[in-house]
Amino acid sequence: DMEMAMLADELSKEEITCKIRDDDNGALKEIDNNEGWVDELDDLTEKDWIGLEKSIWPVKLVLVKLQRLAYKIVNLLTIILPAWKEILRDLHMTISLMPRDVQMRWNSTLNLLEYALKH
């Protein structure tokens, strides 16, 4: 749990939260657009919840690591970006940037995973 918390800490600082103005009082509120979907997690017992968390832990860890790598490739222009481009050149691959996983773009996690599998 500590490893995940450390990896995700940096991401939570970078994360953009999608907000809109509430017409009634002008306050900001988070967009809630679940369109009638049912959250099946609400129906899980504590035992089922623990089992689910254990089974998806490796996936969460990989996603957080990929998200951090994508962020660093784009934002650490003097160190990581040149090294990334050199690795791609050495592998005779097209030089490209890893897409960022952005909360407001519903398909960005899939794009990140596809890119990582390809590269």
PDB file of N, CA and C in Angstrom:
ATOM      1  N   ASP A   1       0.813  -1.188   0.000  1.00  0.00           N
ATOM      2  CA  ASP A   1       0.000   0.000   0.000  1.00  0.00           C
ATOM      3  C   ASP A   1       0.861   1.258   0.000  1.00  0.00           C
ATOM      4  N   MET A   2       1.993   1.213   0.695  1.00  0.00           N
ATOM      5  CA  MET A   2       2.869   2.381   0.777  1.00  0.00           C
ATOM      6  C   MET A   2       3.457   2.708  -0.590  1.00  0.00           C
ATOM      7  N   GLU A   3       3.831   1.667  -1.353  1.00  0.00           N
ATOM      8  CA  GLU A   3       4.392   1.890  -2.683  1.00  0.00           C
ATOM      9  C   GLU A   3       3.376   2.575  -3.585  1.00  0.00           C
ATOM     10  N   MET A   4       2.134   2.125  -3.553  1.00  0.00           N
ATOM     11  CA  MET A   4       1.097   2.743  -4.370  1.00  0.00           C
ATOM     12  C   MET A   4       0.865   4.183  -3.937  1.00  0.00           C
ATOM     13  N   ALA A   5       0.840   4.418  -2.651  1.00  0.00           N
ATOM     14  CA  ALA A   5       0.617   5.778  -2.152  1.00  0.00           C
ATOM     15  C   ALA A   5       1.730   6.709  -2.605  1.00  0.00           C
ATOM     16  N   MET A   6       2.962   6.246  -2.548  1.00  0.00           N
ATOM     17  CA  MET A   6       4.090   7.076  -2.976  1.00  0.00           C
ATOM     18  C   MET A   6       4.026   7.357  -4.465  1.00  0.00           C
ATOM     19  N   LEU A   7       3.688   6.335  -5.264  1.00  0.00           N
ATOM     20  CA  LEU A   7       3.598   6.527  -6.707  1.00  0.00           C
ATOM     21  C   LEU A   7       2.453   7.462  -7.077  1.00  0.00           C
ATOM     22  N   ALA A   8       1.353   7.307  -6.396  1.00  0.00           N
ATOM     23  CA  ALA A   8       0.170   8.095  -6.737  1.00  0.00           C
ATOM     24  C   ALA A   8       0.210   9.505  -6.169  1.00  0.00           C
ATOM     25  N   ASP A   9       1.055   9.738  -5.176  1.00  0.00           N
ATOM     26  CA  ASP A   9       1.119  11.060  -4.549  1.00  0.00           C
ATOM     27  C   ASP A   9       1.427  12.142  -5.566  1.00  0.00           C
ATOM     28  N   GLU A  10       2.426  11.899  -6.399  1.00  0.00           N
ATOM     29  CA  GLU A  10       2.804  12.878  -7.401  1.00  0.00           C
ATOM     30  C   GLU A  10       1.677  13.087  -8.410  1.00  0.00           C
ATOM     31  N   LEU A  11       0.986  12.006  -8.771  1.00  0.00           N
ATOM     32  CA  LEU A  11      -0.117  12.121  -9.722  1.00  0.00           C
ATOM     33  C   LEU A  11      -1.256  12.960  -9.173  1.00  0.00           C
ATOM     34  N   SER A  12      -1.569  12.772  -7.885  1.00  0.00           N
ATOM     35  CA  SER A  12      -2.691  13.514  -7.322  1.00  0.00           C
ATOM     36  C   SER A  12      -2.403  15.010  -7.336  1.00  0.00           C
ATOM     37  N   LYS A  13      -1.159  15.404  -7.243  1.00  0.00           N
ATOM     38  CA  LYS A  13      -0.801  16.812  -7.306  1.00  0.00           C
ATOM     39  C   LYS A  13      -0.967  17.358  -8.718  1.00  0.00           C
ATOM     40  N   GLU A  14      -0.788  16.519  -9.733  1.00  0.00           N
ATOM     41  CA  GLU A  14      -0.842  16.939 -11.123  1.00  0.00           C
ATOM     42  C   GLU A  14      -2.241  16.851 -11.709  1.00  0.00           C
ATOM     43  N   GLU A  15      -3.106  16.076 -11.048  1.00  0.00           N
ATOM     44  CA  GLU A  15      -4.412  15.756 -11.614  1.00  0.00           C
ATOM     45  C   GLU A  15      -5.268  17.010 -11.789  1.00  0.00           C
ATOM     46  N   ILE A  16      -5.979  17.071 -12.899  1.00  0.00           N
ATOM     47  CA  ILE A  16      -6.900  18.165 -13.154  1.00  0.00           C
ATOM     48  C   ILE A  16      -8.298  17.677 -12.830  1.00  0.00           C
ATOM     49  N   THR A  17      -8.999  18.418 -11.992  1.00  0.00           N
ATOM     50  CA  THR A  17     -10.365  18.044 -11.650  1.00  0.00           C
ATOM     51  C   THR A  17     -11.312  18.843 -12.519  1.00  0.00           C
ATOM     52  N   CYS A  18     -12.229  18.166 -13.157  1.00  0.00           N
ATOM     53  CA  CYS A  18     -13.197  18.810 -14.047  1.00  0.00           C
ATOM     54  C   CYS A  18     -14.289  19.454 -13.201  1.00  0.00           C
ATOM     55  N   LYS A  19     -14.490  20.755 -13.356  1.00  0.00           N
ATOM     56  CA  LYS A  19     -15.472  21.484 -12.557  1.00  0.00           C
ATOM     57  C   LYS A  19     -16.341  22.344 -13.459  1.00  0.00           C
ATOM     58  N   ILE A  20     -17.511  22.644 -12.991  1.00  0.00           N
ATOM     59  CA  ILE A  20     -18.404  23.564 -13.682  1.00  0.00           C
ATOM     60  C   ILE A  20     -19.008  24.515 -12.665  1.00  0.00           C
ATOM     61  N   ARG A  21     -19.558  25.626 -13.147  1.00  0.00           N
ATOM     62  CA  ARG A  21     -20.226  26.584 -12.254  1.00  0.00           C
ATOM     63  C   ARG A  21     -21.655  26.122 -11.981  1.00  0.00           C
ATOM     64  N   ASP A  22     -22.032  26.174 -10.731  1.00  0.00           N
ATOM     65  CA  ASP A  22     -23.403  25.901 -10.339  1.00  0.00           C
ATOM     66  C   ASP A  22     -24.186  27.196 -10.538  1.00  0.00           C
ATOM     67  N   ASP A  23     -25.210  27.164 -11.393  1.00  0.00           N
ATOM     68  CA  ASP A  23     -25.959  28.370 -11.730  1.00  0.00           C
ATOM     69  C   ASP A  23     -26.641  29.000 -10.525  1.00  0.00           C
ATOM     70  N   ASP A  24     -27.005  28.200  -9.540  1.00  0.00           N
ATOM     71  CA  ASP A  24     -27.756  28.729  -8.400  1.00  0.00           C
ATOM     72  C   ASP A  24     -26.931  29.649  -7.509  1.00  0.00           C
ATOM     73  N   ASN A  25     -25.704  29.224  -7.182  1.00  0.00           N
ATOM     74  CA  ASN A  25     -24.925  30.042  -6.249  1.00  0.00           C
ATOM     75  C   ASN A  25     -23.534  30.392  -6.756  1.00  0.00           C
ATOM     76  N   GLY A  26     -23.186  30.049  -7.974  1.00  0.00           N
ATOM     77  CA  GLY A  26     -21.899  30.413  -8.557  1.00  0.00           C
ATOM     78  C   GLY A  26     -20.714  29.603  -8.054  1.00  0.00           C
ATOM     79  N   ALA A  27     -20.955  28.616  -7.198  1.00  0.00           N
ATOM     80  CA  ALA A  27     -19.867  27.796  -6.661  1.00  0.00           C
ATOM     81  C   ALA A  27     -19.416  26.779  -7.699  1.00  0.00           C
ATOM     82  N   LEU A  28     -18.186  26.319  -7.553  1.00  0.00           N
ATOM     83  CA  LEU A  28     -17.685  25.266  -8.425  1.00  0.00           C
ATOM     84  C   LEU A  28     -18.141  23.917  -7.895  1.00  0.00           C
ATOM     85  N   LYS A  29     -18.505  23.028  -8.796  1.00  0.00           N
ATOM     86  CA  LYS A  29     -18.851  21.665  -8.382  1.00  0.00           C
ATOM     87  C   LYS A  29     -18.290  20.701  -9.407  1.00  0.00           C
ATOM     88  N   GLU A  30     -18.058  19.467  -8.997  1.00  0.00           N
ATOM     89  CA  GLU A  30     -17.551  18.457  -9.915  1.00  0.00           C
ATOM     90  C   GLU A  30     -18.650  18.005 -10.854  1.00  0.00           C
ATOM     91  N   ILE A  31     -18.247  17.718 -12.095  1.00  0.00           N
ATOM     92  CA  ILE A  31     -19.202  17.206 -13.071  1.00  0.00           C
ATOM     93  C   ILE A  31     -19.547  15.774 -12.712  1.00  0.00           C
ATOM     94  N   ASP A  32     -20.823  15.474 -12.642  1.00  0.00           N
ATOM     95  CA  ASP A  32     -21.287  14.118 -12.371  1.00  0.00           C
ATOM     96  C   ASP A  32     -22.132  13.693 -13.561  1.00  0.00           C
ATOM     97  N   ASN A  33     -21.562  12.832 -14.400  1.00  0.00           N
ATOM     98  CA  ASN A  33     -22.254  12.456 -15.620  1.00  0.00           C
ATOM     99  C   ASN A  33     -22.250  10.937 -15.744  1.00  0.00           C
ATOM    100  N   ASN A  34     -22.941  10.262 -14.825  1.00  0.00           N
ATOM    101  CA  ASN A  34     -22.923   8.805 -14.855  1.00  0.00           C
ATOM    102  C   ASN A  34     -24.070   8.220 -15.663  1.00  0.00           C
ATOM    103  N   GLU A  35     -25.000   9.044 -16.130  1.00  0.00           N
ATOM    104  CA  GLU A  35     -26.067   8.663 -17.049  1.00  0.00           C
ATOM    105  C   GLU A  35     -26.791   7.369 -16.655  1.00  0.00           C
ATOM    106  N   GLY A  36     -27.101   7.221 -15.387  1.00  0.00           N
ATOM    107  CA  GLY A  36     -27.887   6.085 -14.946  1.00  0.00           C
ATOM    108  C   GLY A  36     -27.119   4.789 -14.740  1.00  0.00           C
ATOM    109  N   TRP A  37     -25.797   4.810 -14.838  1.00  0.00           N
ATOM    110  CA  TRP A  37     -25.020   3.596 -14.629  1.00  0.00           C
ATOM    111  C   TRP A  37     -25.126   3.166 -13.172  1.00  0.00           C
ATOM    112  N   VAL A  38     -25.113   1.875 -12.936  1.00  0.00           N
ATOM    113  CA  VAL A  38     -25.170   1.329 -11.590  1.00  0.00           C
ATOM    114  C   VAL A  38     -23.756   0.989 -11.151  1.00  0.00           C
ATOM    115  N   ASP A  39     -23.388   1.450  -9.968  1.00  0.00           N
ATOM    116  CA  ASP A  39     -22.070   1.137  -9.425  1.00  0.00           C
ATOM    117  C   ASP A  39     -22.173  -0.164  -8.642  1.00  0.00           C
ATOM    118  N   GLU A  40     -21.706  -1.247  -9.243  1.00  0.00           N
ATOM    119  CA  GLU A  40     -21.823  -2.558  -8.621  1.00  0.00           C
ATOM    120  C   GLU A  40     -20.903  -2.710  -7.409  1.00  0.00           C
ATOM    121  N   LEU A  41     -19.957  -1.814  -7.251  1.00  0.00           N
ATOM    122  CA  LEU A  41     -19.086  -1.866  -6.082  1.00  0.00           C
ATOM    123  C   LEU A  41     -19.865  -1.605  -4.799  1.00  0.00           C
ATOM    124  N   ASP A  42     -20.949  -0.859  -4.911  1.00  0.00           N
ATOM    125  CA  ASP A  42     -21.775  -0.572  -3.732  1.00  0.00           C
ATOM    126  C   ASP A  42     -22.369  -1.844  -3.130  1.00  0.00           C
ATOM    127  N   ASP A  43     -22.542  -2.887  -3.939  1.00  0.00           N
ATOM    128  CA  ASP A  43     -23.166  -4.117  -3.476  1.00  0.00           C
ATOM    129  C   ASP A  43     -22.171  -5.161  -2.966  1.00  0.00           C
ATOM    130  N   LEU A  44     -20.880  -4.873  -3.023  1.00  0.00           N
ATOM    131  CA  LEU A  44     -19.873  -5.848  -2.591  1.00  0.00           C
ATOM    132  C   LEU A  44     -19.799  -5.939  -1.074  1.00  0.00           C
ATOM    133  N   THR A  45     -19.603  -7.158  -0.596  1.00  0.00           N
ATOM    134  CA  THR A  45     -19.340  -7.347   0.827  1.00  0.00           C
ATOM    135  C   THR A  45     -17.897  -6.945   1.092  1.00  0.00           C
ATOM    136  N   GLU A  46     -17.554  -6.796   2.344  1.00  0.00           N
ATOM    137  CA  GLU A  46     -16.175  -6.416   2.691  1.00  0.00           C
ATOM    138  C   GLU A  46     -15.185  -7.470   2.196  1.00  0.00           C
ATOM    139  N   LYS A  47     -15.540  -8.751   2.317  1.00  0.00           N
ATOM    140  CA  LYS A  47     -14.678  -9.838   1.852  1.00  0.00           C
ATOM    141  C   LYS A  47     -14.487  -9.758   0.336  1.00  0.00           C
ATOM    142  N   ASP A  48     -15.583  -9.527  -0.399  1.00  0.00           N
ATOM    143  CA  ASP A  48     -15.496  -9.399  -1.859  1.00  0.00           C
ATOM    144  C   ASP A  48     -14.656  -8.192  -2.252  1.00  0.00           C
ATOM    145  N   TRP A  49     -14.830  -7.091  -1.511  1.00  0.00           N
ATOM    146  CA  TRP A  49     -14.075  -5.869  -1.791  1.00  0.00           C
ATOM    147  C   TRP A  49     -12.568  -6.118  -1.621  1.00  0.00           C
ATOM    148  N   ILE A  50     -12.199  -6.793  -0.556  1.00  0.00           N
ATOM    149  CA  ILE A  50     -10.781  -7.100  -0.310  1.00  0.00           C
ATOM    150  C   ILE A  50     -10.238  -7.999  -1.409  1.00  0.00           C
ATOM    151  N   GLY A  51     -11.014  -8.998  -1.809  1.00  0.00           N
ATOM    152  CA  GLY A  51     -10.594  -9.887  -2.900  1.00  0.00           C
ATOM    153  C   GLY A  51     -10.417  -9.133  -4.204  1.00  0.00           C
ATOM    154  N   LEU A  52     -11.338  -8.242  -4.498  1.00  0.00           N
ATOM    155  CA  LEU A  52     -11.237  -7.431  -5.712  1.00  0.00           C
ATOM    156  C   LEU A  52      -9.989  -6.558  -5.680  1.00  0.00           C
ATOM    157  N   GLU A  53      -9.755  -5.887  -4.564  1.00  0.00           N
ATOM    158  CA  GLU A  53      -8.578  -5.026  -4.433  1.00  0.00           C
ATOM    159  C   GLU A  53      -7.281  -5.816  -4.644  1.00  0.00           C
ATOM    160  N   LYS A  54      -7.206  -7.019  -4.055  1.00  0.00           N
ATOM    161  CA  LYS A  54      -6.014  -7.853  -4.228  1.00  0.00           C
ATOM    162  C   LYS A  54      -5.826  -8.260  -5.681  1.00  0.00           C
ATOM    163  N   SER A  55      -6.914  -8.560  -6.369  1.00  0.00           N
ATOM    164  CA  SER A  55      -6.800  -9.038  -7.743  1.00  0.00           C
ATOM    165  C   SER A  55      -6.438  -7.927  -8.723  1.00  0.00           C
ATOM    166  N   ILE A  56      -6.842  -6.687  -8.439  1.00  0.00           N
ATOM    167  CA  ILE A  56      -6.537  -5.606  -9.390  1.00  0.00           C
ATOM    168  C   ILE A  56      -5.316  -4.797  -8.985  1.00  0.00           C
ATOM    169  N   TRP A  57      -4.701  -5.113  -7.847  1.00  0.00           N
ATOM    170  CA  TRP A  57      -3.528  -4.388  -7.365  1.00  0.00           C
ATOM    171  C   TRP A  57      -2.409  -4.306  -8.413  1.00  0.00           C
ATOM    172  N   PRO A  58      -2.019  -5.399  -9.055  1.00  0.00           N
ATOM    173  CA  PRO A  58      -0.937  -5.306 -10.051  1.00  0.00           C
ATOM    174  C   PRO A  58      -1.285  -4.374 -11.217  1.00  0.00           C
ATOM    175  N   VAL A  59      -2.533  -4.365 -11.623  1.00  0.00           N
ATOM    176  CA  VAL A  59      -2.963  -3.491 -12.720  1.00  0.00           C
ATOM    177  C   VAL A  59      -2.870  -2.032 -12.288  1.00  0.00           C
ATOM    178  N   LYS A  60      -3.328  -1.736 -11.085  1.00  0.00           N
ATOM    179  CA  LYS A  60      -3.246  -0.371 -10.571  1.00  0.00           C
ATOM    180  C   LYS A  60      -1.797   0.101 -10.517  1.00  0.00           C
ATOM    181  N   LEU A  61      -0.918  -0.766 -10.051  1.00  0.00           N
ATOM    182  CA  LEU A  61       0.485  -0.414  -9.925  1.00  0.00           C
ATOM    183  C   LEU A  61       1.100  -0.108 -11.286  1.00  0.00           C
ATOM    184  N   VAL A  62       0.805  -0.920 -12.284  1.00  0.00           N
ATOM    185  CA  VAL A  62       1.319  -0.686 -13.631  1.00  0.00           C
ATOM    186  C   VAL A  62       0.777   0.621 -14.192  1.00  0.00           C
ATOM    187  N   LEU A  63      -0.516   0.874 -14.007  1.00  0.00           N
ATOM    188  CA  LEU A  63      -1.104   2.119 -14.513  1.00  0.00           C
ATOM    189  C   LEU A  63      -0.463   3.354 -13.884  1.00  0.00           C
ATOM    190  N   VAL A  64      -0.255   3.316 -12.584  1.00  0.00           N
ATOM    191  CA  VAL A  64       0.363   4.461 -11.915  1.00  0.00           C
ATOM    192  C   VAL A  64       1.784   4.675 -12.430  1.00  0.00           C
ATOM    193  N   LYS A  65       2.527   3.603 -12.611  1.00  0.00           N
ATOM    194  CA  LYS A  65       3.893   3.741 -13.129  1.00  0.00           C
ATOM    195  C   LYS A  65       3.896   4.296 -14.549  1.00  0.00           C
ATOM    196  N   LEU A  66       2.978   3.833 -15.393  1.00  0.00           N
ATOM    197  CA  LEU A  66       2.883   4.358 -16.756  1.00  0.00           C
ATOM    198  C   LEU A  66       2.480   5.833 -16.751  1.00  0.00           C
ATOM    199  N   GLN A  67       1.549   6.201 -15.883  1.00  0.00           N
ATOM    200  CA  GLN A  67       1.118   7.591 -15.788  1.00  0.00           C
ATOM    201  C   GLN A  67       2.273   8.496 -15.370  1.00  0.00           C
ATOM    202  N   ARG A  68       3.056   8.049 -14.412  1.00  0.00           N
ATOM    203  CA  ARG A  68       4.209   8.837 -13.965  1.00  0.00           C
ATOM    204  C   ARG A  68       5.254   8.950 -15.064  1.00  0.00           C
ATOM    205  N   LEU A  69       5.513   7.856 -15.780  1.00  0.00           N
ATOM    206  CA  LEU A  69       6.484   7.888 -16.867  1.00  0.00           C
ATOM    207  C   LEU A  69       6.029   8.846 -17.960  1.00  0.00           C
ATOM    208  N   ALA A  70       4.762   8.778 -18.350  1.00  0.00           N
ATOM    209  CA  ALA A  70       4.241   9.675 -19.388  1.00  0.00           C
ATOM    210  C   ALA A  70       4.368  11.128 -18.963  1.00  0.00           C
ATOM    211  N   TYR A  71       4.069  11.413 -17.712  1.00  0.00           N
ATOM    212  CA  TYR A  71       4.188  12.784 -17.199  1.00  0.00           C
ATOM    213  C   TYR A  71       5.638  13.256 -17.272  1.00  0.00           C
ATOM    214  N   LYS A  72       6.551  12.409 -16.852  1.00  0.00           N
ATOM    215  CA  LYS A  72       7.964  12.797 -16.826  1.00  0.00           C
ATOM    216  C   LYS A  72       8.537  12.967 -18.231  1.00  0.00           C
ATOM    217  N   ILE A  73       8.122  12.125 -19.160  1.00  0.00           N
ATOM    218  CA  ILE A  73       8.620  12.250 -20.533  1.00  0.00           C
ATOM    219  C   ILE A  73       8.241  13.616 -21.103  1.00  0.00           C
ATOM    220  N   VAL A  74       7.038  14.046 -20.832  1.00  0.00           N
ATOM    221  CA  VAL A  74       6.552  15.316 -21.379  1.00  0.00           C
ATOM    222  C   VAL A  74       7.123  16.523 -20.628  1.00  0.00           C
ATOM    223  N   ASN A  75       7.301  16.405 -19.321  1.00  0.00           N
ATOM    224  CA  ASN A  75       7.645  17.572 -18.513  1.00  0.00           C
ATOM    225  C   ASN A  75       9.107  17.703 -18.105  1.00  0.00           C
ATOM    226  N   LEU A  76       9.888  16.662 -18.192  1.00  0.00           N
ATOM    227  CA  LEU A  76      11.311  16.768 -17.863  1.00  0.00           C
ATOM    228  C   LEU A  76      12.104  16.802 -19.162  1.00  0.00           C
ATOM    229  N   LEU A  77      12.055  17.967 -19.806  1.00  0.00           N
ATOM    230  CA  LEU A  77      12.561  18.126 -21.170  1.00  0.00           C
ATOM    231  C   LEU A  77      14.067  17.963 -21.302  1.00  0.00           C
ATOM    232  N   THR A  78      14.827  18.255 -20.260  1.00  0.00           N
ATOM    233  CA  THR A  78      16.285  18.213 -20.393  1.00  0.00           C
ATOM    234  C   THR A  78      16.896  16.864 -20.060  1.00  0.00           C
ATOM    235  N   ILE A  79      16.165  16.026 -19.344  1.00  0.00           N
ATOM    236  CA  ILE A  79      16.737  14.733 -18.925  1.00  0.00           C
ATOM    237  C   ILE A  79      15.992  13.554 -19.550  1.00  0.00           C
ATOM    238  N   ILE A  80      14.744  13.420 -19.203  1.00  0.00           N
ATOM    239  CA  ILE A  80      13.983  12.230 -19.591  1.00  0.00           C
ATOM    240  C   ILE A  80      13.622  12.231 -21.076  1.00  0.00           C
ATOM    241  N   LEU A  81      13.167  13.362 -21.598  1.00  0.00           N
ATOM    242  CA  LEU A  81      12.746  13.407 -23.000  1.00  0.00           C
ATOM    243  C   LEU A  81      13.874  13.033 -23.957  1.00  0.00           C
ATOM    244  N   PRO A  82      15.087  13.606 -23.820  1.00  0.00           N
ATOM    245  CA  PRO A  82      16.164  13.178 -24.722  1.00  0.00           C
ATOM    246  C   PRO A  82      16.506  11.688 -24.581  1.00  0.00           C
ATOM    247  N   ALA A  83      16.457  11.182 -23.358  1.00  0.00           N
ATOM    248  CA  ALA A  83      16.745   9.761 -23.140  1.00  0.00           C
ATOM    249  C   ALA A  83      15.666   8.893 -23.802  1.00  0.00           C
ATOM    250  N   TRP A  84      14.408   9.311 -23.697  1.00  0.00           N
ATOM    251  CA  TRP A  84      13.305   8.584 -24.318  1.00  0.00           C
ATOM    252  C   TRP A  84      13.482   8.531 -25.832  1.00  0.00           C
ATOM    253  N   LYS A  85      13.805   9.681 -26.419  1.00  0.00           N
ATOM    254  CA  LYS A  85      14.000   9.737 -27.874  1.00  0.00           C
ATOM    255  C   LYS A  85      15.171   8.859 -28.308  1.00  0.00           C
ATOM    256  N   GLU A  86      16.222   8.835 -27.514  1.00  0.00           N
ATOM    257  CA  GLU A  86      17.392   8.006 -27.832  1.00  0.00           C
ATOM    258  C   GLU A  86      17.041   6.516 -27.776  1.00  0.00           C
ATOM    259  N   ILE A  87      16.264   6.138 -26.793  1.00  0.00           N
ATOM    260  CA  ILE A  87      15.828   4.728 -26.685  1.00  0.00           C
ATOM    261  C   ILE A  87      15.028   4.331 -27.919  1.00  0.00           C
ATOM    262  N   LEU A  88      14.095   5.201 -28.320  1.00  0.00           N
ATOM    263  CA  LEU A  88      13.279   4.896 -29.504  1.00  0.00           C
ATOM    264  C   LEU A  88      14.140   4.814 -30.760  1.00  0.00           C
ATOM    265  N   ARG A  89      15.128   5.713 -30.876  1.00  0.00           N
ATOM    266  CA  ARG A  89      16.045   5.662 -32.035  1.00  0.00           C
ATOM    267  C   ARG A  89      16.812   4.343 -32.048  1.00  0.00           C
ATOM    268  N   ASP A  90      17.327   3.956 -30.880  1.00  0.00           N
ATOM    269  CA  ASP A  90      18.089   2.710 -30.783  1.00  0.00           C
ATOM    270  C   ASP A  90      17.246   1.493 -31.167  1.00  0.00           C
ATOM    271  N   LEU A  91      15.959   1.569 -30.896  1.00  0.00           N
ATOM    272  CA  LEU A  91      15.059   0.470 -31.225  1.00  0.00           C
ATOM    273  C   LEU A  91      14.466   0.592 -32.631  1.00  0.00           C
ATOM    274  N   HIS A  92      14.912   1.613 -33.367  1.00  0.00           N
ATOM    275  CA  HIS A  92      14.429   1.885 -34.724  1.00  0.00           C
ATOM    276  C   HIS A  92      12.912   2.071 -34.754  1.00  0.00           C
ATOM    277  N   MET A  93      12.421   2.806 -33.768  1.00  0.00           N
ATOM    278  CA  MET A  93      10.994   3.100 -33.677  1.00  0.00           C
ATOM    279  C   MET A  93      10.773   4.575 -33.976  1.00  0.00           C
ATOM    280  N   THR A  94       9.577   4.901 -34.413  1.00  0.00           N
ATOM    281  CA  THR A  94       9.215   6.290 -34.650  1.00  0.00           C
ATOM    282  C   THR A  94       9.265   7.050 -33.333  1.00  0.00           C
ATOM    283  N   ILE A  95       9.892   8.216 -33.367  1.00  0.00           N
ATOM    284  CA  ILE A  95       9.974   9.024 -32.156  1.00  0.00           C
ATOM    285  C   ILE A  95       8.613   9.653 -31.899  1.00  0.00           C
ATOM    286  N   SER A  96       8.083   9.364 -30.721  1.00  0.00           N
ATOM    287  CA  SER A  96       6.773   9.877 -30.325  1.00  0.00           C
ATOM    288  C   SER A  96       6.723   9.986 -28.809  1.00  0.00           C
ATOM    289  N   LEU A  97       5.758  10.728 -28.333  1.00  0.00           N
ATOM    290  CA  LEU A  97       5.578  10.874 -26.895  1.00  0.00           C
ATOM    291  C   LEU A  97       4.469   9.946 -26.412  1.00  0.00           C
ATOM    292  N   MET A  98       4.651   9.434 -25.218  1.00  0.00           N
ATOM    293  CA  MET A  98       3.632   8.594 -24.600  1.00  0.00           C
ATOM    294  C   MET A  98       2.441   9.482 -24.251  1.00  0.00           C
ATOM    295  N   PRO A  99       1.223   9.089 -24.622  1.00  0.00           N
ATOM    296  CA  PRO A  99       0.065   9.920 -24.288  1.00  0.00           C
ATOM    297  C   PRO A  99      -0.179   9.955 -22.784  1.00  0.00           C
ATOM    298  N   ARG A 100      -0.620  11.093 -22.304  1.00  0.00           N
ATOM    299  CA  ARG A 100      -0.940  11.230 -20.883  1.00  0.00           C
ATOM    300  C   ARG A 100      -2.333  10.706 -20.611  1.00  0.00           C
ATOM    301  N   ASP A 101      -2.505  10.153 -19.429  1.00  0.00           N
ATOM    302  CA  ASP A 101      -3.809   9.694 -18.978  1.00  0.00           C
ATOM    303  C   ASP A 101      -4.496  10.885 -18.312  1.00  0.00           C
ATOM    304  N   VAL A 102      -5.454  11.477 -19.022  1.00  0.00           N
ATOM    305  CA  VAL A 102      -6.115  12.687 -18.558  1.00  0.00           C
ATOM    306  C   VAL A 102      -7.536  12.358 -18.136  1.00  0.00           C
ATOM    307  N   GLN A 103      -7.902  12.783 -16.945  1.00  0.00           N
ATOM    308  CA  GLN A 103      -9.197  12.424 -16.372  1.00  0.00           C
ATOM    309  C   GLN A 103     -10.364  12.883 -17.243  1.00  0.00           C
ATOM    310  N   MET A 104     -10.237  14.002 -17.927  1.00  0.00           N
ATOM    311  CA  MET A 104     -11.347  14.540 -18.715  1.00  0.00           C
ATOM    312  C   MET A 104     -11.481  13.885 -20.084  1.00  0.00           C
ATOM    313  N   ARG A 105     -10.529  13.055 -20.465  1.00  0.00           N
ATOM    314  CA  ARG A 105     -10.614  12.350 -21.746  1.00  0.00           C
ATOM    315  C   ARG A 105     -10.883  10.880 -21.460  1.00  0.00           C
ATOM    316  N   TRP A 106     -12.070  10.451 -21.781  1.00  0.00           N
ATOM    317  CA  TRP A 106     -12.538   9.137 -21.347  1.00  0.00           C
ATOM    318  C   TRP A 106     -11.725   7.985 -21.915  1.00  0.00           C
ATOM    319  N   ASN A 107     -11.041   8.150 -23.027  1.00  0.00           N
ATOM    320  CA  ASN A 107     -10.310   7.054 -23.654  1.00  0.00           C
ATOM    321  C   ASN A 107      -8.801   7.145 -23.428  1.00  0.00           C
ATOM    322  N   SER A 108      -8.349   8.088 -22.624  1.00  0.00           N
ATOM    323  CA  SER A 108      -6.910   8.315 -22.505  1.00  0.00           C
ATOM    324  C   SER A 108      -6.178   7.164 -21.802  1.00  0.00           C
ATOM    325  N   THR A 109      -6.816   6.478 -20.873  1.00  0.00           N
ATOM    326  CA  THR A 109      -6.166   5.332 -20.226  1.00  0.00           C
ATOM    327  C   THR A 109      -5.930   4.224 -21.244  1.00  0.00           C
ATOM    328  N   LEU A 110      -6.922   3.966 -22.090  1.00  0.00           N
ATOM    329  CA  LEU A 110      -6.761   2.962 -23.137  1.00  0.00           C
ATOM    330  C   LEU A 110      -5.639   3.364 -24.093  1.00  0.00           C
ATOM    331  N   ASN A 111      -5.590   4.631 -24.487  1.00  0.00           N
ATOM    332  CA  ASN A 111      -4.526   5.108 -25.379  1.00  0.00           C
ATOM    333  C   ASN A 111      -3.154   4.914 -24.746  1.00  0.00           C
ATOM    334  N   LEU A 112      -3.049   5.214 -23.458  1.00  0.00           N
ATOM    335  CA  LEU A 112      -1.789   5.037 -22.737  1.00  0.00           C
ATOM    336  C   LEU A 112      -1.376   3.563 -22.730  1.00  0.00           C
ATOM    337  N   LEU A 113      -2.305   2.672 -22.431  1.00  0.00           N
ATOM    338  CA  LEU A 113      -2.000   1.244 -22.388  1.00  0.00           C
ATOM    339  C   LEU A 113      -1.614   0.700 -23.763  1.00  0.00           C
ATOM    340  N   GLU A 114      -2.339   1.095 -24.800  1.00  0.00           N
ATOM    341  CA  GLU A 114      -2.004   0.642 -26.160  1.00  0.00           C
ATOM    342  C   GLU A 114      -0.618   1.110 -26.564  1.00  0.00           C
ATOM    343  N   TYR A 115      -0.295   2.350 -26.247  1.00  0.00           N
ATOM    344  CA  TYR A 115       1.017   2.895 -26.573  1.00  0.00           C
ATOM    345  C   TYR A 115       2.114   2.106 -25.831  1.00  0.00           C
ATOM    346  N   ALA A 116       1.887   1.852 -24.538  1.00  0.00           N
ATOM    347  CA  ALA A 116       2.875   1.121 -23.740  1.00  0.00           C
ATOM    348  C   ALA A 116       3.085  -0.299 -24.278  1.00  0.00           C
ATOM    349  N   LEU A 117       2.027  -0.961 -24.666  1.00  0.00           N
ATOM    350  CA  LEU A 117       2.163  -2.317 -25.215  1.00  0.00           C
ATOM    351  C   LEU A 117       2.907  -2.311 -26.547  1.00  0.00           C
ATOM    352  N   LYS A 118       2.680  -1.300 -27.342  1.00  0.00           N
ATOM    353  CA  LYS A 118       3.349  -1.189 -28.638  1.00  0.00           C
ATOM    354  C   LYS A 118       4.837  -0.881 -28.476  1.00  0.00           C
ATOM    355  N   HIS A 119       5.152  -0.086 -27.481  1.00  0.00           N
ATOM    356  CA  HIS A 119       6.530   0.340 -27.290  1.00  0.00           C
ATOM    357  C   HIS A 119       7.201  -0.442 -26.186  1.00  0.00           C
TER     358      HIS A 119
END
